[in-house]
Amino acid sequence: MPFDVFLFSYAFLGPLHYLTELQWLKNKNFFLEKSDVGVFIFFAVLIAALLFLPFLNIYLFRADIFSGIILSIFFIFCSYLLFVLKNRTSKLLLGILILFVGLLYFFKPNLIILLGLFIPTLIHVYVFTTFFMISGYFKAPDSFGLINIMLLLSVPFVIYFLPVENLVFSGINAEKIFNSTGFKIINDQLVFFFGKNISKTNVVLKAQIFIAFAYTYHYLNWFAKTSVIGWAKSLELKKMIFVLGIWILSIALYLYNYQTGLTVLFVLSMIHVLAEFPLNALSVKTIFQKIISKK
């Protein structure tokens, strides 16, 4: 821990999560109107392919900012497809939000870069997972569910304030593999924001403990909800064989060379992040509606 845990979770649990969730979302029409699904899939695949270019070091002009802008605009677009009526006022609102993202490019480019880094990573696996759990609690209040949410929200504070770095026993090889991936940038950014009052070594470890926890919890939370969400019912025998076959091949790639596995599965990983945007937006809407209704 924590580098070994992250590498294991991302390679072994990640691909199975992508494949099963994509199948479930497809059966749910990605929580969109049927008429919007084709447009949504087209743009999701296109964006995943475009984001693959900077991942391969074929750098576009300011690729880091490009990623942030395109992900932010696509999330706004998904929210628009999900909730907003296609009238003049709603189109104006969509234009204003996109203009706001554009203005960030000129006045707060660092914020755009952070959105590009964190939306498909920690925001996806931790923030949106939390929103999903909270929206589920609002729909069906349950004391056990509330305890889970409180525990999930408390973990970052436990990691930050307690000497959890004493639990670390990752091997040097695992840290080297991690540093060769793009996830090192995520760790660096967390260190930059939250490491001012902690020694450099400790905060790097604490940041990685949180990253490992967030990803592992995100995957296990999905697999634990087969009965609650009913995603397992969407897997017929042929589809299950196909999913297991791709999963085994992906594990073989990671075992052969971790960077190779990461590269080959990048588009699948990104498509699953983008495919979840409407569900994320729906969770946010449910939470805000519940909060507003109580006022």
C-alpha atoms as a PDB file:
ATOM      1  CA  MET A   1       0.000   0.000   0.000  1.00  0.00           C
ATOM      2  CA  PRO A   2      -0.764   2.533  -1.363  1.00  0.00           C
ATOM      3  CA  PHE A   3       0.857   2.265  -4.805  1.00  0.00           C
ATOM      4  CA  ASP A   4       0.344  -1.496  -5.079  1.00  0.00           C
ATOM      5  CA  VAL A   5      -3.328  -1.188  -4.105  1.00  0.00           C
ATOM      6  CA  PHE A   6      -4.005   1.433  -6.754  1.00  0.00           C
ATOM      7  CA  LEU A   7      -2.157  -0.437  -9.503  1.00  0.00           C
ATOM      8  CA  PHE A   8      -3.987  -3.655  -8.664  1.00  0.00           C
ATOM      9  CA  SER A   9      -7.435  -2.029  -8.471  1.00  0.00           C
ATOM     10  CA  TYR A  10      -6.996  -0.063 -11.681  1.00  0.00           C
ATOM     11  CA  ALA A  11      -5.746  -3.058 -13.674  1.00  0.00           C
ATOM     12  CA  PHE A  12      -7.915  -5.878 -12.261  1.00  0.00           C
ATOM     13  CA  LEU A  13     -11.131  -4.195 -11.112  1.00  0.00           C
ATOM     14  CA  GLY A  14     -11.181  -1.220 -13.490  1.00  0.00           C
ATOM     15  CA  PRO A  15     -11.757  -2.965 -16.861  1.00  0.00           C
ATOM     16  CA  LEU A  16     -14.498  -5.205 -15.455  1.00  0.00           C
ATOM     17  CA  HIS A  17     -16.191  -2.094 -14.051  1.00  0.00           C
ATOM     18  CA  TYR A  18     -15.994  -0.264 -17.405  1.00  0.00           C
ATOM     19  CA  LEU A  19     -17.444  -3.173 -19.344  1.00  0.00           C
ATOM     20  CA  THR A  20     -20.317  -4.001 -16.981  1.00  0.00           C
ATOM     21  CA  GLU A  21     -21.304  -0.379 -16.358  1.00  0.00           C
ATOM     22  CA  LEU A  22     -21.289   0.496 -20.072  1.00  0.00           C
ATOM     23  CA  GLN A  23     -23.631  -2.428 -20.711  1.00  0.00           C
ATOM     24  CA  TRP A  24     -25.950  -1.279 -17.900  1.00  0.00           C
ATOM     25  CA  LEU A  25     -25.928   2.355 -19.072  1.00  0.00           C
ATOM     26  CA  LYS A  26     -26.664   1.247 -22.638  1.00  0.00           C
ATOM     27  CA  ASN A  27     -29.717  -0.684 -21.439  1.00  0.00           C
ATOM     28  CA  LYS A  28     -30.836   2.465 -19.593  1.00  0.00           C
ATOM     29  CA  ASN A  29     -30.317   4.592 -22.751  1.00  0.00           C
ATOM     30  CA  PHE A  30     -27.658   6.417 -20.697  1.00  0.00           C
ATOM     31  CA  PHE A  31     -30.607   8.019 -18.815  1.00  0.00           C
ATOM     32  CA  LEU A  32     -31.391  10.088 -21.917  1.00  0.00           C
ATOM     33  CA  GLU A  33     -34.268  10.285 -24.365  1.00  0.00           C
ATOM     34  CA  LYS A  34     -33.899   7.671 -27.115  1.00  0.00           C
ATOM     35  CA  SER A  35     -33.714  10.429 -29.716  1.00  0.00           C
ATOM     36  CA  ASP A  36     -30.609  11.881 -28.021  1.00  0.00           C
ATOM     37  CA  VAL A  37     -28.681   8.635 -27.503  1.00  0.00           C
ATOM     38  CA  GLY A  38     -27.111   8.521 -30.980  1.00  0.00           C
ATOM     39  CA  VAL A  39     -25.763  12.080 -30.730  1.00  0.00           C
ATOM     40  CA  PHE A  40     -24.515  11.417 -27.209  1.00  0.00           C
ATOM     41  CA  ILE A  41     -22.632   8.236 -28.187  1.00  0.00           C
ATOM     42  CA  PHE A  42     -21.091   9.926 -31.228  1.00  0.00           C
ATOM     43  CA  PHE A  43     -19.671  12.806 -29.195  1.00  0.00           C
ATOM     44  CA  ALA A  44     -18.575  10.550 -26.319  1.00  0.00           C
ATOM     45  CA  VAL A  45     -16.533   8.323 -28.654  1.00  0.00           C
ATOM     46  CA  LEU A  46     -15.169  11.339 -30.554  1.00  0.00           C
ATOM     47  CA  ILE A  47     -14.059  13.105 -27.360  1.00  0.00           C
ATOM     48  CA  ALA A  48     -12.466   9.924 -25.969  1.00  0.00           C
ATOM     49  CA  ALA A  49     -10.504   9.589 -29.230  1.00  0.00           C
ATOM     50  CA  LEU A  50      -9.447  13.262 -29.154  1.00  0.00           C
ATOM     51  CA  LEU A  51      -8.269  12.971 -25.546  1.00  0.00           C
ATOM     52  CA  PHE A  52      -6.252   9.912 -26.561  1.00  0.00           C
ATOM     53  CA  LEU A  53      -3.965  12.107 -28.719  1.00  0.00           C
ATOM     54  CA  PRO A  54      -2.335  14.019 -25.837  1.00  0.00           C
ATOM     55  CA  PHE A  55      -2.233  10.752 -23.881  1.00  0.00           C
ATOM     56  CA  LEU A  56       0.030   9.384 -26.621  1.00  0.00           C
ATOM     57  CA  ASN A  57       2.210  12.502 -26.347  1.00  0.00           C
ATOM     58  CA  ILE A  58       0.975  13.733 -29.747  1.00  0.00           C
ATOM     59  CA  TYR A  59       0.452  17.092 -28.095  1.00  0.00           C
ATOM     60  CA  LEU A  60      -2.048  19.533 -29.426  1.00  0.00           C
ATOM     61  CA  PHE A  61      -1.786  23.233 -28.640  1.00  0.00           C
ATOM     62  CA  ARG A  62      -2.094  23.450 -24.848  1.00  0.00           C
ATOM     63  CA  ALA A  63      -3.427  19.895 -24.591  1.00  0.00           C
ATOM     64  CA  ASP A  64      -3.938  20.215 -20.829  1.00  0.00           C
ATOM     65  CA  ILE A  65      -6.311  23.169 -21.249  1.00  0.00           C
ATOM     66  CA  PHE A  66      -7.945  21.499 -24.264  1.00  0.00           C
ATOM     67  CA  SER A  67      -8.868  18.481 -22.104  1.00  0.00           C
ATOM     68  CA  GLY A  68     -10.406  20.658 -19.398  1.00  0.00           C
ATOM     69  CA  ILE A  69     -12.475  22.709 -21.836  1.00  0.00           C
ATOM     70  CA  ILE A  70     -13.804  19.751 -23.814  1.00  0.00           C
ATOM     71  CA  LEU A  71     -14.738  17.736 -20.695  1.00  0.00           C
ATOM     72  CA  SER A  72     -16.461  20.714 -19.047  1.00  0.00           C
ATOM     73  CA  ILE A  73     -18.454  21.563 -22.176  1.00  0.00           C
ATOM     74  CA  PHE A  74     -19.463  17.926 -22.693  1.00  0.00           C
ATOM     75  CA  PHE A  75     -20.757  17.702 -19.108  1.00  0.00           C
ATOM     76  CA  ILE A  76     -22.822  20.860 -19.702  1.00  0.00           C
ATOM     77  CA  PHE A  77     -24.080  19.357 -22.970  1.00  0.00           C
ATOM     78  CA  CYS A  78     -25.116  16.120 -21.193  1.00  0.00           C
ATOM     79  CA  SER A  79     -26.970  18.132 -18.547  1.00  0.00           C
ATOM     80  CA  TYR A  80     -28.722  19.998 -21.344  1.00  0.00           C
ATOM     81  CA  LEU A  81     -29.796  16.752 -23.045  1.00  0.00           C
ATOM     82  CA  LEU A  82     -30.978  15.325 -19.758  1.00  0.00           C
ATOM     83  CA  PHE A  83     -33.010  18.158 -18.270  1.00  0.00           C
ATOM     84  CA  VAL A  84     -33.459  21.200 -20.413  1.00  0.00           C
ATOM     85  CA  LEU A  85     -36.362  21.802 -22.782  1.00  0.00           C
ATOM     86  CA  LYS A  86     -35.248  22.753 -26.274  1.00  0.00           C
ATOM     87  CA  ASN A  87     -36.582  26.309 -26.201  1.00  0.00           C
ATOM     88  CA  ARG A  88     -34.875  29.637 -26.803  1.00  0.00           C
ATOM     89  CA  THR A  89     -34.288  30.348 -23.102  1.00  0.00           C
ATOM     90  CA  SER A  90     -32.653  26.986 -22.425  1.00  0.00           C
ATOM     91  CA  LYS A  91     -30.409  27.347 -25.469  1.00  0.00           C
ATOM     92  CA  LEU A  92     -29.375  30.777 -24.191  1.00  0.00           C
ATOM     93  CA  LEU A  93     -28.518  29.251 -20.800  1.00  0.00           C
ATOM     94  CA  LEU A  94     -26.441  26.558 -22.517  1.00  0.00           C
ATOM     95  CA  GLY A  95     -24.592  29.249 -24.466  1.00  0.00           C
ATOM     96  CA  ILE A  96     -23.888  31.238 -21.293  1.00  0.00           C
ATOM     97  CA  LEU A  97     -22.442  28.203 -19.511  1.00  0.00           C
ATOM     98  CA  ILE A  98     -20.214  27.369 -22.474  1.00  0.00           C
ATOM     99  CA  LEU A  99     -19.146  31.033 -22.670  1.00  0.00           C
ATOM    100  CA  PHE A 100     -18.255  30.860 -18.962  1.00  0.00           C
ATOM    101  CA  VAL A 101     -15.985  27.893 -19.620  1.00  0.00           C
ATOM    102  CA  GLY A 102     -14.416  29.834 -22.496  1.00  0.00           C
ATOM    103  CA  LEU A 103     -13.780  32.849 -20.254  1.00  0.00           C
ATOM    104  CA  LEU A 104     -12.000  30.598 -17.760  1.00  0.00           C
ATOM    105  CA  TYR A 105      -9.492  29.899 -20.530  1.00  0.00           C
ATOM    106  CA  PHE A 106      -8.462  33.560 -20.521  1.00  0.00           C
ATOM    107  CA  PHE A 107      -8.838  34.437 -16.827  1.00  0.00           C
ATOM    108  CA  LYS A 108      -8.369  31.153 -14.916  1.00  0.00           C
ATOM    109  CA  PRO A 109      -6.549  28.710 -17.226  1.00  0.00           C
ATOM    110  CA  ASN A 110      -5.188  26.775 -14.244  1.00  0.00           C
ATOM    111  CA  LEU A 111      -8.751  25.963 -13.185  1.00  0.00           C
ATOM    112  CA  ILE A 112      -9.454  24.567 -16.653  1.00  0.00           C
ATOM    113  CA  ILE A 113      -6.320  22.417 -16.398  1.00  0.00           C
ATOM    114  CA  LEU A 114      -7.455  21.076 -13.020  1.00  0.00           C
ATOM    115  CA  LEU A 115     -10.890  20.237 -14.418  1.00  0.00           C
ATOM    116  CA  GLY A 116      -9.199  18.333 -17.236  1.00  0.00           C
ATOM    117  CA  LEU A 117      -7.126  16.389 -14.707  1.00  0.00           C
ATOM    118  CA  PHE A 118      -9.715  15.766 -12.011  1.00  0.00           C
ATOM    119  CA  ILE A 119     -13.037  15.298 -13.867  1.00  0.00           C
ATOM    120  CA  PRO A 120     -12.062  11.904 -15.364  1.00  0.00           C
ATOM    121  CA  THR A 121     -10.145  10.830 -12.249  1.00  0.00           C
ATOM    122  CA  LEU A 122     -10.865  11.874  -8.651  1.00  0.00           C
ATOM    123  CA  ILE A 123     -14.075  13.794  -9.367  1.00  0.00           C
ATOM    124  CA  HIS A 124     -15.378  10.744 -11.224  1.00  0.00           C
ATOM    125  CA  VAL A 125     -14.380   8.113  -8.674  1.00  0.00           C
ATOM    126  CA  TYR A 126     -14.926  10.057  -5.439  1.00  0.00           C
ATOM    127  CA  VAL A 127     -17.141  13.144  -5.878  1.00  0.00           C
ATOM    128  CA  PHE A 128     -19.646  11.619  -8.312  1.00  0.00           C
ATOM    129  CA  THR A 129     -19.705   8.359  -6.339  1.00  0.00           C
ATOM    130  CA  THR A 130     -20.605  10.387  -3.243  1.00  0.00           C
ATOM    131  CA  PHE A 131     -23.320  12.274  -5.158  1.00  0.00           C
ATOM    132  CA  PHE A 132     -24.702   8.983  -6.468  1.00  0.00           C
ATOM    133  CA  MET A 133     -24.906   7.573  -2.941  1.00  0.00           C
ATOM    134  CA  ILE A 134     -26.513  10.744  -1.546  1.00  0.00           C
ATOM    135  CA  SER A 135     -29.125  10.833  -4.327  1.00  0.00           C
ATOM    136  CA  GLY A 136     -29.864   7.155  -3.653  1.00  0.00           C
ATOM    137  CA  TYR A 137     -30.320   7.935   0.037  1.00  0.00           C
ATOM    138  CA  PHE A 138     -32.752  10.772  -0.761  1.00  0.00           C
ATOM    139  CA  LYS A 139     -34.807   8.444  -2.951  1.00  0.00           C
ATOM    140  CA  ALA A 140     -34.883   5.682  -0.307  1.00  0.00           C
ATOM    141  CA  PRO A 141     -33.707   6.938   3.132  1.00  0.00           C
ATOM    142  CA  ASP A 142     -31.882   4.255   5.068  1.00  0.00           C
ATOM    143  CA  SER A 143     -29.757   4.572   8.218  1.00  0.00           C
ATOM    144  CA  PHE A 144     -27.137   2.140   6.899  1.00  0.00           C
ATOM    145  CA  GLY A 145     -26.851   4.145   3.678  1.00  0.00           C
ATOM    146  CA  LEU A 146     -26.423   7.367   5.660  1.00  0.00           C
ATOM    147  CA  ILE A 147     -23.647   5.790   7.760  1.00  0.00           C
ATOM    148  CA  ASN A 148     -21.875   4.737   4.558  1.00  0.00           C
ATOM    149  CA  ILE A 149     -22.058   8.284   3.189  1.00  0.00           C
ATOM    150  CA  MET A 150     -20.692   9.762   6.430  1.00  0.00           C
ATOM    151  CA  LEU A 151     -17.844   7.248   6.476  1.00  0.00           C
ATOM    152  CA  LEU A 152     -17.012   7.987   2.837  1.00  0.00           C
ATOM    153  CA  LEU A 153     -16.922  11.739   3.514  1.00  0.00           C
ATOM    154  CA  SER A 154     -14.760  11.272   6.609  1.00  0.00           C
ATOM    155  CA  VAL A 155     -11.996   9.277   4.875  1.00  0.00           C
ATOM    156  CA  PRO A 156     -10.079  12.298   3.432  1.00  0.00           C
ATOM    157  CA  PHE A 157      -9.942  13.863   6.909  1.00  0.00           C
ATOM    158  CA  VAL A 158      -8.762  10.613   8.476  1.00  0.00           C
ATOM    159  CA  ILE A 159      -6.001  10.357   5.882  1.00  0.00           C
ATOM    160  CA  TYR A 160      -4.999  13.999   6.312  1.00  0.00           C
ATOM    161  CA  PHE A 161      -4.935  14.224  10.108  1.00  0.00           C
ATOM    162  CA  LEU A 162      -3.936  10.743  11.262  1.00  0.00           C
ATOM    163  CA  PRO A 163      -0.404   9.278  10.829  1.00  0.00           C
ATOM    164  CA  VAL A 164      -1.620   6.792   8.226  1.00  0.00           C
ATOM    165  CA  GLU A 165       1.684   7.053   6.369  1.00  0.00           C
ATOM    166  CA  ASN A 166       2.966   4.565   8.969  1.00  0.00           C
ATOM    167  CA  LEU A 167       0.807   1.945   7.221  1.00  0.00           C
ATOM    168  CA  VAL A 168       2.704   2.301   3.957  1.00  0.00           C
ATOM    169  CA  PHE A 169       4.737  -0.653   2.759  1.00  0.00           C
ATOM    170  CA  SER A 170       4.695  -0.338  -1.044  1.00  0.00           C
ATOM    171  CA  GLY A 171       7.613  -1.742  -2.943  1.00  0.00           C
ATOM    172  CA  ILE A 172       9.968   0.488  -4.911  1.00  0.00           C
ATOM    173  CA  ASN A 173       8.949  -1.233  -8.145  1.00  0.00           C
ATOM    174  CA  ALA A 174       5.266  -0.368  -7.632  1.00  0.00           C
ATOM    175  CA  GLU A 175       6.102   3.296  -7.085  1.00  0.00           C
ATOM    176  CA  LYS A 176       8.240   3.320 -10.241  1.00  0.00           C
ATOM    177  CA  ILE A 177       5.388   1.858 -12.288  1.00  0.00           C
ATOM    178  CA  PHE A 178       2.973   4.408 -10.835  1.00  0.00           C
ATOM    179  CA  ASN A 179       5.340   7.275 -11.616  1.00  0.00           C
ATOM    180  CA  SER A 180       5.529   6.125 -15.233  1.00  0.00           C
ATOM    181  CA  THR A 181       1.775   6.632 -15.620  1.00  0.00           C
ATOM    182  CA  GLY A 182      -0.118   9.885 -15.983  1.00  0.00           C
ATOM    183  CA  PHE A 183      -1.564   9.420 -12.496  1.00  0.00           C
ATOM    184  CA  LYS A 184       1.579  10.872 -10.978  1.00  0.00           C
ATOM    185  CA  ILE A 185       0.284  14.278 -12.116  1.00  0.00           C
ATOM    186  CA  ILE A 186      -2.856  13.754 -10.009  1.00  0.00           C
ATOM    187  CA  ASN A 187      -0.718  13.006  -6.968  1.00  0.00           C
ATOM    188  CA  ASP A 188       1.447  16.078  -7.661  1.00  0.00           C
ATOM    189  CA  GLN A 189      -1.600  18.352  -7.811  1.00  0.00           C
ATOM    190  CA  LEU A 190      -2.991  17.004  -4.528  1.00  0.00           C
ATOM    191  CA  VAL A 191       0.411  17.559  -2.919  1.00  0.00           C
ATOM    192  CA  PHE A 192       0.462  21.135  -4.242  1.00  0.00           C
ATOM    193  CA  PHE A 193      -2.960  21.944  -2.746  1.00  0.00           C
ATOM    194  CA  PHE A 194      -2.921  20.103   0.552  1.00  0.00           C
ATOM    195  CA  GLY A 195       0.706  19.494   1.405  1.00  0.00           C
ATOM    196  CA  LYS A 196       1.790  22.879   2.720  1.00  0.00           C
ATOM    197  CA  ASN A 197       1.755  21.848   6.375  1.00  0.00           C
ATOM    198  CA  ILE A 198       3.057  18.300   5.969  1.00  0.00           C
ATOM    199  CA  SER A 199       6.481  17.043   5.025  1.00  0.00           C
ATOM    200  CA  LYS A 200       6.919  16.363   1.326  1.00  0.00           C
ATOM    201  CA  THR A 201       7.365  12.610   1.711  1.00  0.00           C
ATOM    202  CA  ASN A 202       4.363  12.199   3.994  1.00  0.00           C
ATOM    203  CA  VAL A 203       1.974  14.218   1.843  1.00  0.00           C
ATOM    204  CA  VAL A 204       2.936  12.276  -1.300  1.00  0.00           C
ATOM    205  CA  LEU A 205       2.056   9.082   0.557  1.00  0.00           C
ATOM    206  CA  LYS A 206      -1.151  10.564   1.990  1.00  0.00           C
ATOM    207  CA  ALA A 207      -2.213  11.772  -1.454  1.00  0.00           C
ATOM    208  CA  GLN A 208      -1.585   8.314  -2.871  1.00  0.00           C
ATOM    209  CA  ILE A 209      -3.475   6.634  -0.038  1.00  0.00           C
ATOM    210  CA  PHE A 210      -6.505   8.765  -0.925  1.00  0.00           C
ATOM    211  CA  ILE A 211      -6.140   8.029  -4.655  1.00  0.00           C
ATOM    212  CA  ALA A 212      -5.874   4.282  -3.975  1.00  0.00           C
ATOM    213  CA  PHE A 213      -8.870   4.410  -1.639  1.00  0.00           C
ATOM    214  CA  ALA A 214     -11.033   6.469  -4.020  1.00  0.00           C
ATOM    215  CA  TYR A 215     -10.487   4.160  -6.985  1.00  0.00           C
ATOM    216  CA  THR A 216     -10.826   0.921  -5.015  1.00  0.00           C
ATOM    217  CA  TYR A 217     -13.984   2.122  -3.256  1.00  0.00           C
ATOM    218  CA  HIS A 218     -15.484   3.312  -6.555  1.00  0.00           C
ATOM    219  CA  TYR A 219     -15.036  -0.123  -8.144  1.00  0.00           C
ATOM    220  CA  LEU A 220     -16.132  -2.153  -5.118  1.00  0.00           C
ATOM    221  CA  ASN A 221     -19.143   0.113  -4.573  1.00  0.00           C
ATOM    222  CA  TRP A 222     -20.250  -0.728  -8.117  1.00  0.00           C
ATOM    223  CA  PHE A 223     -19.809  -4.480  -7.711  1.00  0.00           C
ATOM    224  CA  ALA A 224     -21.611  -4.381  -4.340  1.00  0.00           C
ATOM    225  CA  LYS A 225     -24.742  -2.881  -5.930  1.00  0.00           C
ATOM    226  CA  THR A 226     -25.772  -5.768  -8.180  1.00  0.00           C
ATOM    227  CA  SER A 227     -29.116  -6.108  -6.359  1.00  0.00           C
ATOM    228  CA  VAL A 228     -29.686  -2.404  -5.616  1.00  0.00           C
ATOM    229  CA  ILE A 229     -29.093  -1.174  -9.179  1.00  0.00           C
ATOM    230  CA  GLY A 230     -29.789  -4.464 -10.925  1.00  0.00           C
ATOM    231  CA  TRP A 231     -26.919  -4.085 -13.400  1.00  0.00           C
ATOM    232  CA  ALA A 232     -26.157  -7.807 -13.389  1.00  0.00           C
ATOM    233  CA  LYS A 233     -29.550  -8.455 -15.002  1.00  0.00           C
ATOM    234  CA  SER A 234     -28.372  -6.619 -18.128  1.00  0.00           C
ATOM    235  CA  LEU A 235     -25.733  -9.289 -18.774  1.00  0.00           C
ATOM    236  CA  GLU A 236     -27.045 -12.140 -20.880  1.00  0.00           C
ATOM    237  CA  LEU A 237     -24.891 -15.252 -21.249  1.00  0.00           C
ATOM    238  CA  LYS A 238     -23.317 -14.188 -24.571  1.00  0.00           C
ATOM    239  CA  LYS A 239     -22.625 -10.697 -23.282  1.00  0.00           C
ATOM    240  CA  MET A 240     -21.186 -12.094 -20.067  1.00  0.00           C
ATOM    241  CA  ILE A 241     -18.792 -14.349 -22.008  1.00  0.00           C
ATOM    242  CA  PHE A 242     -17.759 -11.372 -24.160  1.00  0.00           C
ATOM    243  CA  VAL A 243     -17.185  -9.161 -21.092  1.00  0.00           C
ATOM    244  CA  LEU A 244     -15.148 -11.841 -19.305  1.00  0.00           C
ATOM    245  CA  GLY A 245     -13.081 -12.451 -22.444  1.00  0.00           C
ATOM    246  CA  ILE A 246     -12.182  -8.763 -22.824  1.00  0.00           C
ATOM    247  CA  TRP A 247     -11.493  -8.542 -19.078  1.00  0.00           C
ATOM    248  CA  ILE A 248      -9.062 -11.489 -19.162  1.00  0.00           C
ATOM    249  CA  LEU A 249      -7.277 -10.004 -22.186  1.00  0.00           C
ATOM    250  CA  SER A 250      -6.965  -6.643 -20.426  1.00  0.00           C
ATOM    251  CA  ILE A 251      -5.447  -8.270 -17.337  1.00  0.00           C
ATOM    252  CA  ALA A 252      -2.995 -10.119 -19.567  1.00  0.00           C
ATOM    253  CA  LEU A 253      -1.949  -6.803 -21.145  1.00  0.00           C
ATOM    254  CA  TYR A 254      -1.371  -5.200 -17.739  1.00  0.00           C
ATOM    255  CA  LEU A 255       0.638  -8.201 -16.559  1.00  0.00           C
ATOM    256  CA  TYR A 256       2.727  -8.111 -19.728  1.00  0.00           C
ATOM    257  CA  ASN A 257       3.446  -4.399 -19.399  1.00  0.00           C
ATOM    258  CA  TYR A 258       1.474  -2.007 -17.227  1.00  0.00           C
ATOM    259  CA  GLN A 259       2.004   1.000 -19.503  1.00  0.00           C
ATOM    260  CA  THR A 260       0.846  -1.038 -22.511  1.00  0.00           C
ATOM    261  CA  GLY A 261      -2.344  -2.039 -20.721  1.00  0.00           C
ATOM    262  CA  LEU A 262      -2.950   1.557 -19.674  1.00  0.00           C
ATOM    263  CA  THR A 263      -2.517   2.803 -23.236  1.00  0.00           C
ATOM    264  CA  VAL A 264      -4.663   0.147 -24.927  1.00  0.00           C
ATOM    265  CA  LEU A 265      -7.532   0.547 -22.442  1.00  0.00           C
ATOM    266  CA  PHE A 266      -7.407   4.352 -22.241  1.00  0.00           C
ATOM    267  CA  VAL A 267     -10.260   4.947 -24.713  1.00  0.00           C
ATOM    268  CA  LEU A 268     -12.500   2.350 -23.009  1.00  0.00           C
ATOM    269  CA  SER A 269     -11.789   3.969 -19.636  1.00  0.00           C
ATOM    270  CA  MET A 270     -12.534   7.467 -20.959  1.00  0.00           C
ATOM    271  CA  ILE A 271     -15.722   6.361 -22.755  1.00  0.00           C
ATOM    272  CA  HIS A 272     -17.014   4.891 -19.495  1.00  0.00           C
ATOM    273  CA  VAL A 273     -16.296   8.209 -17.721  1.00  0.00           C
ATOM    274  CA  LEU A 274     -18.114  10.198 -20.409  1.00  0.00           C
ATOM    275  CA  ALA A 275     -20.989   7.701 -20.605  1.00  0.00           C
ATOM    276  CA  GLU A 276     -21.640   8.268 -16.912  1.00  0.00           C
ATOM    277  CA  PHE A 277     -22.020  12.072 -17.256  1.00  0.00           C
ATOM    278  CA  PRO A 278     -25.840  12.041 -17.633  1.00  0.00           C
ATOM    279  CA  LEU A 279     -26.152   9.834 -14.532  1.00  0.00           C
ATOM    280  CA  ASN A 280     -23.804  12.190 -12.651  1.00  0.00           C
ATOM    281  CA  ALA A 281     -25.894  15.180 -13.709  1.00  0.00           C
ATOM    282  CA  LEU A 282     -29.061  13.343 -12.643  1.00  0.00           C
ATOM    283  CA  SER A 283     -27.551  12.692  -9.198  1.00  0.00           C
ATOM    284  CA  VAL A 284     -26.674  16.384  -8.810  1.00  0.00           C
ATOM    285  CA  LYS A 285     -30.199  17.393  -9.861  1.00  0.00           C
ATOM    286  CA  THR A 286     -31.789  14.969  -7.367  1.00  0.00           C
ATOM    287  CA  ILE A 287     -29.689  16.355  -4.512  1.00  0.00           C
ATOM    288  CA  PHE A 288     -30.439  20.001  -5.322  1.00  0.00           C
ATOM    289  CA  GLN A 289     -34.147  19.324  -5.752  1.00  0.00           C
ATOM    290  CA  LYS A 290     -34.267  17.634  -2.352  1.00  0.00           C
ATOM    291  CA  ILE A 291     -32.349  20.470  -0.680  1.00  0.00           C
ATOM    292  CA  ILE A 292     -34.540  23.146  -2.283  1.00  0.00           C
ATOM    293  CA  SER A 293     -37.769  21.297  -1.402  1.00  0.00           C
ATOM    294  CA  LYS A 294     -36.791  21.341   2.280  1.00  0.00           C
ATOM    295  CA  LYS A 295     -36.377  25.133   2.391  1.00  0.00           C
END
